[in-house]
Amino acid sequence: DTLLVAATLFAVVTLAQVQVGEEICIEGYIMDRYCIERGTLLDNKSVESLKGPGEHSLHCLVDVPKCYQSGFEVLIDPLEGSNTYCRGFLLDDDGTMETRELAQSFGSKTGCSTCTEENGSQKKGFRATISGTVTSVGNTNTPA
């Protein structure tokens, strides 16, 4: 299941043209920018970040300060014929905080020190539906 989190969004890479001020709703894996920019998952170094977001642990996402403090992005599913996820939208600080709290409520207490298991016991691959307002449009090389 995915839940709706209201957030102000920064467009990083989009599959459709979006404009500043546009209200959007998008669903995808949530990943911290630290793991994205390092190229592999911090707690599973054999997995490329944009090829294996389903292996990204909730522990890494919500417990590790350098990960959650780097901000969260919503990844867009791979295009047909590709196995690489696209960087979709960068959440602002409030959106990152709300999404972290949501992930903590779905996360298993096993291996995740801040997870509560209120809504589930997930250990990896956190997906969410995010709605918000686009405040900046980036490009494929430079997140906004």
N, C-alpha and C. Protein backbone atom coordinates (compact mmCIF):
# COMPACT_ATOMS: atom_id res chain seq x y z
N ASP A 1 0.83 -1.19 0.00
CA ASP A 1 0.00 0.00 0.00
C ASP A 1 0.87 1.25 0.00
N THR A 2 0.34 2.28 -0.59
CA THR A 2 1.03 3.56 -0.56
C THR A 2 0.07 4.58 0.01
N LEU A 3 0.62 5.57 0.67
CA LEU A 3 -0.19 6.62 1.26
C LEU A 3 0.17 7.96 0.64
N LEU A 4 -0.71 8.90 0.80
CA LEU A 4 -0.52 10.23 0.25
C LEU A 4 0.17 11.12 1.28
N VAL A 5 1.23 11.77 0.88
CA VAL A 5 1.95 12.71 1.72
C VAL A 5 1.96 14.03 0.97
N ALA A 6 1.50 15.09 1.60
CA ALA A 6 1.53 16.40 0.96
C ALA A 6 2.92 16.98 1.12
N ALA A 7 3.45 17.51 0.04
CA ALA A 7 4.80 18.06 0.08
C ALA A 7 4.99 19.05 -1.05
N THR A 8 5.91 19.96 -0.85
CA THR A 8 6.35 20.81 -1.94
C THR A 8 7.46 20.06 -2.64
N LEU A 9 7.39 19.97 -3.94
CA LEU A 9 8.33 19.15 -4.69
C LEU A 9 9.22 19.99 -5.59
N PHE A 10 10.42 19.52 -5.78
CA PHE A 10 11.33 20.08 -6.75
C PHE A 10 11.46 19.05 -7.86
N ALA A 11 11.18 19.41 -9.08
CA ALA A 11 11.33 18.47 -10.19
C ALA A 11 12.80 18.28 -10.48
N VAL A 12 13.24 17.05 -10.58
CA VAL A 12 14.62 16.74 -10.92
C VAL A 12 14.65 16.25 -12.36
N VAL A 13 14.02 15.15 -12.62
CA VAL A 13 13.90 14.61 -13.97
C VAL A 13 12.46 14.16 -14.09
N THR A 14 11.79 14.53 -15.14
CA THR A 14 10.41 14.10 -15.30
C THR A 14 10.22 13.46 -16.65
N LEU A 15 9.26 12.56 -16.73
CA LEU A 15 8.93 11.90 -17.98
C LEU A 15 7.95 12.73 -18.78
N ALA A 16 7.26 13.63 -18.15
CA ALA A 16 6.35 14.55 -18.82
C ALA A 16 6.76 15.95 -18.41
N GLN A 17 6.46 16.91 -19.23
CA GLN A 17 6.86 18.27 -18.89
C GLN A 17 5.98 18.79 -17.76
N VAL A 18 6.62 19.27 -16.73
CA VAL A 18 5.90 19.90 -15.62
C VAL A 18 6.38 21.33 -15.51
N GLN A 19 5.56 22.14 -14.91
CA GLN A 19 5.91 23.54 -14.76
C GLN A 19 5.84 23.94 -13.29
N VAL A 20 6.60 24.95 -12.94
CA VAL A 20 6.57 25.49 -11.59
C VAL A 20 5.13 25.91 -11.27
N GLY A 21 4.67 25.54 -10.09
CA GLY A 21 3.32 25.86 -9.65
C GLY A 21 2.31 24.76 -9.93
N GLU A 22 2.69 23.78 -10.72
CA GLU A 22 1.79 22.69 -11.07
C GLU A 22 1.62 21.75 -9.88
N GLU A 23 0.38 21.32 -9.65
CA GLU A 23 0.09 20.32 -8.62
C GLU A 23 0.28 18.95 -9.26
N ILE A 24 1.04 18.08 -8.60
CA ILE A 24 1.27 16.75 -9.14
C ILE A 24 1.02 15.69 -8.07
N CYS A 25 0.85 14.47 -8.54
CA CYS A 25 0.74 13.31 -7.67
C CYS A 25 1.57 12.22 -8.34
N ILE A 26 2.53 11.67 -7.62
CA ILE A 26 3.44 10.68 -8.20
C ILE A 26 3.69 9.57 -7.19
N GLU A 27 3.88 8.37 -7.70
CA GLU A 27 4.14 7.21 -6.85
C GLU A 27 5.45 6.58 -7.27
N GLY A 28 6.25 6.18 -6.29
CA GLY A 28 7.50 5.52 -6.62
C GLY A 28 8.30 5.19 -5.37
N TYR A 29 9.44 4.56 -5.61
CA TYR A 29 10.35 4.27 -4.49
C TYR A 29 10.88 5.58 -3.93
N ILE A 30 11.05 5.62 -2.62
CA ILE A 30 11.65 6.77 -1.94
C ILE A 30 13.09 6.39 -1.63
N MET A 31 14.02 7.26 -2.04
CA MET A 31 15.43 7.01 -1.76
C MET A 31 16.10 8.31 -1.31
N ASP A 32 17.03 8.16 -0.39
CA ASP A 32 17.78 9.33 0.08
C ASP A 32 18.82 9.71 -0.96
N ARG A 33 19.11 11.00 -1.02
CA ARG A 33 20.06 11.52 -2.01
C ARG A 33 21.48 11.02 -1.76
N TYR A 34 21.82 10.73 -0.52
CA TYR A 34 23.16 10.22 -0.24
C TYR A 34 23.38 8.90 -0.98
N CYS A 35 22.45 7.98 -0.87
CA CYS A 35 22.59 6.69 -1.56
C CYS A 35 22.53 6.85 -3.07
N ILE A 36 21.68 7.76 -3.55
CA ILE A 36 21.61 7.99 -4.99
C ILE A 36 22.96 8.48 -5.50
N GLU A 37 23.50 9.49 -4.85
CA GLU A 37 24.72 10.14 -5.34
C GLU A 37 25.97 9.27 -5.16
N ARG A 38 25.96 8.34 -4.20
CA ARG A 38 27.12 7.46 -4.05
C ARG A 38 27.11 6.35 -5.10
N GLY A 39 25.95 6.09 -5.71
CA GLY A 39 25.86 5.12 -6.79
C GLY A 39 25.51 3.71 -6.37
N THR A 40 25.74 3.39 -5.10
CA THR A 40 25.35 2.09 -4.55
C THR A 40 24.68 2.33 -3.20
N LEU A 41 23.92 1.34 -2.77
CA LEU A 41 23.25 1.46 -1.47
C LEU A 41 24.27 1.39 -0.35
N LEU A 42 24.16 2.28 0.62
CA LEU A 42 25.11 2.35 1.73
C LEU A 42 25.20 1.02 2.48
N ASP A 43 24.07 0.38 2.70
CA ASP A 43 24.08 -0.85 3.49
C ASP A 43 24.02 -2.12 2.62
N ASN A 44 24.20 -1.96 1.31
CA ASN A 44 24.25 -3.10 0.39
C ASN A 44 25.04 -2.64 -0.83
N LYS A 45 26.34 -2.53 -0.65
CA LYS A 45 27.23 -1.91 -1.63
C LYS A 45 27.27 -2.62 -2.98
N SER A 46 26.78 -3.84 -3.07
CA SER A 46 26.77 -4.55 -4.35
C SER A 46 25.58 -4.16 -5.23
N VAL A 47 24.65 -3.37 -4.69
CA VAL A 47 23.45 -2.98 -5.43
C VAL A 47 23.57 -1.53 -5.88
N GLU A 48 23.44 -1.31 -7.20
CA GLU A 48 23.43 0.05 -7.73
C GLU A 48 22.13 0.72 -7.31
N SER A 49 22.24 1.94 -6.81
CA SER A 49 21.10 2.64 -6.22
C SER A 49 19.90 2.74 -7.17
N LEU A 50 20.14 3.12 -8.41
CA LEU A 50 19.03 3.33 -9.35
C LEU A 50 18.61 2.05 -10.07
N LYS A 51 19.25 0.93 -9.75
CA LYS A 51 18.83 -0.35 -10.32
C LYS A 51 18.17 -1.25 -9.29
N GLY A 52 18.38 -0.96 -8.01
CA GLY A 52 17.83 -1.83 -6.97
C GLY A 52 17.17 -1.11 -5.82
N PRO A 53 16.29 -0.14 -6.09
CA PRO A 53 15.67 0.56 -4.95
C PRO A 53 14.80 -0.34 -4.09
N GLY A 54 14.38 -1.48 -4.62
CA GLY A 54 13.61 -2.43 -3.83
C GLY A 54 14.43 -3.10 -2.75
N GLU A 55 15.75 -2.99 -2.85
CA GLU A 55 16.67 -3.56 -1.86
C GLU A 55 17.12 -2.52 -0.82
N HIS A 56 16.69 -1.27 -0.98
CA HIS A 56 17.10 -0.19 -0.08
C HIS A 56 16.39 -0.37 1.26
N SER A 57 17.14 -0.54 2.34
CA SER A 57 16.52 -0.83 3.64
C SER A 57 15.89 0.41 4.25
N LEU A 58 14.81 0.17 4.99
CA LEU A 58 14.21 1.27 5.74
C LEU A 58 15.17 1.76 6.81
N HIS A 59 16.00 0.86 7.34
CA HIS A 59 17.02 1.29 8.31
C HIS A 59 17.88 2.39 7.69
N CYS A 60 18.39 2.17 6.49
CA CYS A 60 19.24 3.16 5.83
C CYS A 60 18.46 4.46 5.61
N LEU A 61 17.22 4.34 5.14
CA LEU A 61 16.40 5.49 4.80
C LEU A 61 16.07 6.36 6.01
N VAL A 62 15.73 5.74 7.14
CA VAL A 62 15.19 6.52 8.27
C VAL A 62 16.08 6.58 9.51
N ASP A 63 17.06 5.68 9.65
CA ASP A 63 17.91 5.65 10.85
C ASP A 63 19.25 6.35 10.68
N VAL A 64 19.80 6.32 9.49
CA VAL A 64 21.17 6.81 9.26
C VAL A 64 21.13 8.31 8.97
N PRO A 65 21.67 9.14 9.89
CA PRO A 65 21.58 10.59 9.72
C PRO A 65 22.06 11.12 8.37
N LYS A 66 23.21 10.64 7.88
CA LYS A 66 23.70 11.19 6.61
C LYS A 66 22.79 10.83 5.45
N CYS A 67 21.97 9.81 5.61
CA CYS A 67 21.02 9.44 4.57
C CYS A 67 19.76 10.31 4.65
N TYR A 68 19.04 10.27 5.78
CA TYR A 68 17.80 11.04 5.82
C TYR A 68 18.04 12.54 5.82
N GLN A 69 19.19 13.00 6.31
CA GLN A 69 19.49 14.43 6.29
C GLN A 69 19.86 14.93 4.89
N SER A 70 20.16 14.02 3.96
CA SER A 70 20.50 14.42 2.59
C SER A 70 19.26 14.76 1.77
N GLY A 71 18.08 14.42 2.28
CA GLY A 71 16.84 14.65 1.56
C GLY A 71 16.41 13.42 0.79
N PHE A 72 15.13 13.38 0.45
CA PHE A 72 14.56 12.23 -0.25
C PHE A 72 14.13 12.62 -1.65
N GLU A 73 14.21 11.64 -2.54
CA GLU A 73 13.70 11.78 -3.89
C GLU A 73 12.71 10.66 -4.16
N VAL A 74 11.76 10.93 -5.06
CA VAL A 74 10.84 9.92 -5.55
C VAL A 74 11.42 9.41 -6.86
N LEU A 75 11.65 8.11 -6.94
CA LEU A 75 12.18 7.52 -8.17
C LEU A 75 11.03 7.09 -9.07
N ILE A 76 11.21 7.32 -10.36
CA ILE A 76 10.22 6.94 -11.36
C ILE A 76 10.62 5.58 -11.91
N ASP A 77 9.64 4.71 -12.10
CA ASP A 77 9.90 3.36 -12.61
C ASP A 77 10.64 3.43 -13.95
N PRO A 78 11.45 2.41 -14.24
CA PRO A 78 12.23 2.40 -15.48
C PRO A 78 11.34 2.46 -16.73
N LEU A 79 11.88 3.09 -17.76
CA LEU A 79 11.20 3.09 -19.05
C LEU A 79 11.27 1.68 -19.63
N GLU A 80 10.37 1.37 -20.52
CA GLU A 80 10.35 0.05 -21.14
C GLU A 80 11.72 -0.26 -21.76
N GLY A 81 12.22 -1.44 -21.49
CA GLY A 81 13.51 -1.85 -22.02
C GLY A 81 14.70 -1.46 -21.15
N SER A 82 14.44 -0.79 -20.04
CA SER A 82 15.51 -0.36 -19.14
C SER A 82 15.30 -0.99 -17.77
N ASN A 83 16.37 -1.11 -17.01
CA ASN A 83 16.24 -1.58 -15.62
C ASN A 83 16.73 -0.52 -14.64
N THR A 84 16.86 0.72 -15.13
CA THR A 84 17.33 1.82 -14.31
C THR A 84 16.18 2.76 -13.98
N TYR A 85 15.99 3.01 -12.70
CA TYR A 85 14.98 3.95 -12.25
C TYR A 85 15.47 5.37 -12.51
N CYS A 86 14.53 6.29 -12.71
CA CYS A 86 14.87 7.69 -12.97
C CYS A 86 14.67 8.51 -11.71
N ARG A 87 15.53 9.50 -11.54
CA ARG A 87 15.35 10.46 -10.45
C ARG A 87 14.17 11.35 -10.85
N GLY A 88 13.11 11.30 -10.06
CA GLY A 88 11.88 11.98 -10.44
C GLY A 88 11.69 13.32 -9.78
N PHE A 89 11.50 13.32 -8.47
CA PHE A 89 11.22 14.55 -7.75
C PHE A 89 11.97 14.56 -6.43
N LEU A 90 12.50 15.71 -6.09
CA LEU A 90 13.18 15.95 -4.83
C LEU A 90 12.17 16.56 -3.87
N LEU A 91 12.02 15.96 -2.71
CA LEU A 91 11.11 16.50 -1.71
C LEU A 91 11.79 17.62 -0.94
N ASP A 92 11.02 18.62 -0.55
CA ASP A 92 11.59 19.68 0.28
C ASP A 92 11.78 19.13 1.70
N ASP A 93 12.29 19.96 2.60
CA ASP A 93 12.58 19.50 3.96
C ASP A 93 11.34 18.97 4.68
N ASP A 94 10.21 19.67 4.54
CA ASP A 94 8.98 19.21 5.19
C ASP A 94 8.51 17.89 4.59
N GLY A 95 8.58 17.78 3.27
CA GLY A 95 8.18 16.54 2.60
C GLY A 95 9.06 15.37 3.00
N THR A 96 10.36 15.63 3.12
CA THR A 96 11.28 14.58 3.56
C THR A 96 10.95 14.14 4.98
N MET A 97 10.68 15.10 5.87
CA MET A 97 10.36 14.77 7.26
C MET A 97 9.06 13.96 7.34
N GLU A 98 8.03 14.39 6.61
CA GLU A 98 6.76 13.67 6.62
C GLU A 98 6.91 12.26 6.05
N THR A 99 7.68 12.15 4.99
CA THR A 99 7.88 10.84 4.36
C THR A 99 8.70 9.93 5.26
N ARG A 100 9.68 10.48 5.96
CA ARG A 100 10.46 9.69 6.92
C ARG A 100 9.54 9.15 8.02
N GLU A 101 8.67 10.01 8.54
CA GLU A 101 7.73 9.57 9.58
C GLU A 101 6.80 8.48 9.06
N LEU A 102 6.35 8.63 7.81
CA LEU A 102 5.49 7.61 7.21
C LEU A 102 6.25 6.29 7.08
N ALA A 103 7.48 6.35 6.58
CA ALA A 103 8.29 5.14 6.44
C ALA A 103 8.53 4.48 7.80
N GLN A 104 8.78 5.29 8.83
CA GLN A 104 8.98 4.74 10.17
C GLN A 104 7.74 3.98 10.64
N SER A 105 6.56 4.48 10.29
CA SER A 105 5.33 3.82 10.73
C SER A 105 5.10 2.49 10.02
N PHE A 106 5.68 2.32 8.83
CA PHE A 106 5.55 1.07 8.08
C PHE A 106 6.72 0.13 8.32
N GLY A 107 7.79 0.63 8.92
CA GLY A 107 9.01 -0.16 9.05
C GLY A 107 9.01 -1.14 10.20
N SER A 108 9.71 -2.24 9.97
CA SER A 108 9.89 -3.28 10.99
C SER A 108 10.87 -2.79 12.05
N LYS A 109 10.57 -3.10 13.30
CA LYS A 109 11.48 -2.75 14.39
C LYS A 109 12.75 -3.60 14.34
N THR A 110 12.70 -4.71 13.61
CA THR A 110 13.87 -5.57 13.44
C THR A 110 14.82 -4.90 12.46
N GLY A 111 15.96 -4.43 12.96
CA GLY A 111 16.95 -3.78 12.11
C GLY A 111 16.72 -2.30 11.89
N CYS A 112 15.66 -1.74 12.42
CA CYS A 112 15.36 -0.31 12.26
C CYS A 112 15.04 0.27 13.63
N SER A 113 15.95 1.08 14.15
CA SER A 113 15.81 1.55 15.53
C SER A 113 14.72 2.60 15.72
N THR A 114 14.31 3.31 14.65
CA THR A 114 13.29 4.35 14.80
C THR A 114 11.95 3.93 14.21
N CYS A 115 11.84 2.71 13.69
CA CYS A 115 10.58 2.25 13.11
C CYS A 115 9.62 1.82 14.21
N THR A 116 8.32 2.00 13.95
CA THR A 116 7.31 1.75 14.98
C THR A 116 6.39 0.57 14.69
N GLU A 117 6.37 0.09 13.45
CA GLU A 117 5.47 -0.99 13.03
C GLU A 117 4.00 -0.64 13.21
N GLU A 118 3.65 0.65 13.26
CA GLU A 118 2.24 1.05 13.39
C GLU A 118 1.40 0.54 12.22
N ASN A 119 1.95 0.61 11.01
CA ASN A 119 1.20 0.28 9.81
C ASN A 119 1.74 -0.91 9.05
N GLY A 120 2.73 -1.57 9.58
CA GLY A 120 3.31 -2.71 8.87
C GLY A 120 4.65 -3.08 9.45
N SER A 121 5.34 -3.99 8.76
CA SER A 121 6.65 -4.42 9.24
C SER A 121 7.61 -4.58 8.05
N GLN A 122 7.62 -3.58 7.20
CA GLN A 122 8.45 -3.59 6.00
C GLN A 122 9.92 -3.39 6.37
N LYS A 123 10.81 -4.07 5.65
CA LYS A 123 12.25 -3.95 5.92
C LYS A 123 13.00 -3.24 4.81
N LYS A 124 12.48 -3.28 3.58
CA LYS A 124 13.19 -2.64 2.47
C LYS A 124 12.23 -2.28 1.35
N GLY A 125 12.71 -1.41 0.45
CA GLY A 125 11.94 -1.04 -0.73
C GLY A 125 10.72 -0.21 -0.45
N PHE A 126 10.88 0.95 0.21
CA PHE A 126 9.73 1.77 0.58
C PHE A 126 9.23 2.60 -0.60
N ARG A 127 7.95 2.42 -0.94
CA ARG A 127 7.29 3.19 -2.00
C ARG A 127 6.19 4.03 -1.35
N ALA A 128 5.93 5.20 -1.94
CA ALA A 128 4.87 6.06 -1.43
C ALA A 128 4.28 6.86 -2.57
N THR A 129 3.07 7.34 -2.36
CA THR A 129 2.42 8.27 -3.28
C THR A 129 2.55 9.65 -2.68
N ILE A 130 3.10 10.56 -3.46
CA ILE A 130 3.39 11.91 -2.99
C ILE A 130 2.60 12.91 -3.82
N SER A 131 1.95 13.85 -3.17
CA SER A 131 1.30 14.94 -3.91
C SER A 131 1.91 16.25 -3.42
N GLY A 132 2.01 17.20 -4.33
CA GLY A 132 2.58 18.47 -3.94
C GLY A 132 2.62 19.44 -5.09
N THR A 133 3.27 20.55 -4.86
CA THR A 133 3.40 21.62 -5.84
C THR A 133 4.84 21.69 -6.30
N VAL A 134 5.04 21.72 -7.61
CA VAL A 134 6.38 21.85 -8.17
C VAL A 134 6.86 23.28 -7.93
N THR A 135 8.02 23.42 -7.27
CA THR A 135 8.55 24.75 -6.97
C THR A 135 9.78 25.10 -7.79
N SER A 136 10.39 24.09 -8.42
CA SER A 136 11.57 24.33 -9.24
C SER A 136 11.70 23.16 -10.20
N VAL A 137 12.23 23.42 -11.38
CA VAL A 137 12.42 22.36 -12.37
C VAL A 137 13.91 22.20 -12.62
N GLY A 138 14.42 21.00 -12.41
CA GLY A 138 15.84 20.71 -12.63
C GLY A 138 16.04 20.09 -13.99
N ASN A 139 17.15 19.34 -14.13
CA ASN A 139 17.43 18.60 -15.36
C ASN A 139 18.09 17.29 -15.01
N THR A 140 18.50 16.53 -16.01
CA THR A 140 19.04 15.19 -15.75
C THR A 140 20.36 15.21 -15.00
N ASN A 141 21.09 16.32 -15.05
CA ASN A 141 22.40 16.39 -14.41
C ASN A 141 22.41 17.16 -13.10
N THR A 142 21.50 18.07 -12.94
CA THR A 142 21.51 18.95 -11.78
C THR A 142 20.16 18.97 -11.10
N PRO A 143 20.03 18.25 -9.96
CA PRO A 143 18.76 18.35 -9.23
C PRO A 143 18.50 19.78 -8.81
N ALA A 144 17.24 20.16 -8.83
CA ALA A 144 16.87 21.54 -8.47
C ALA A 144 17.01 21.76 -6.98
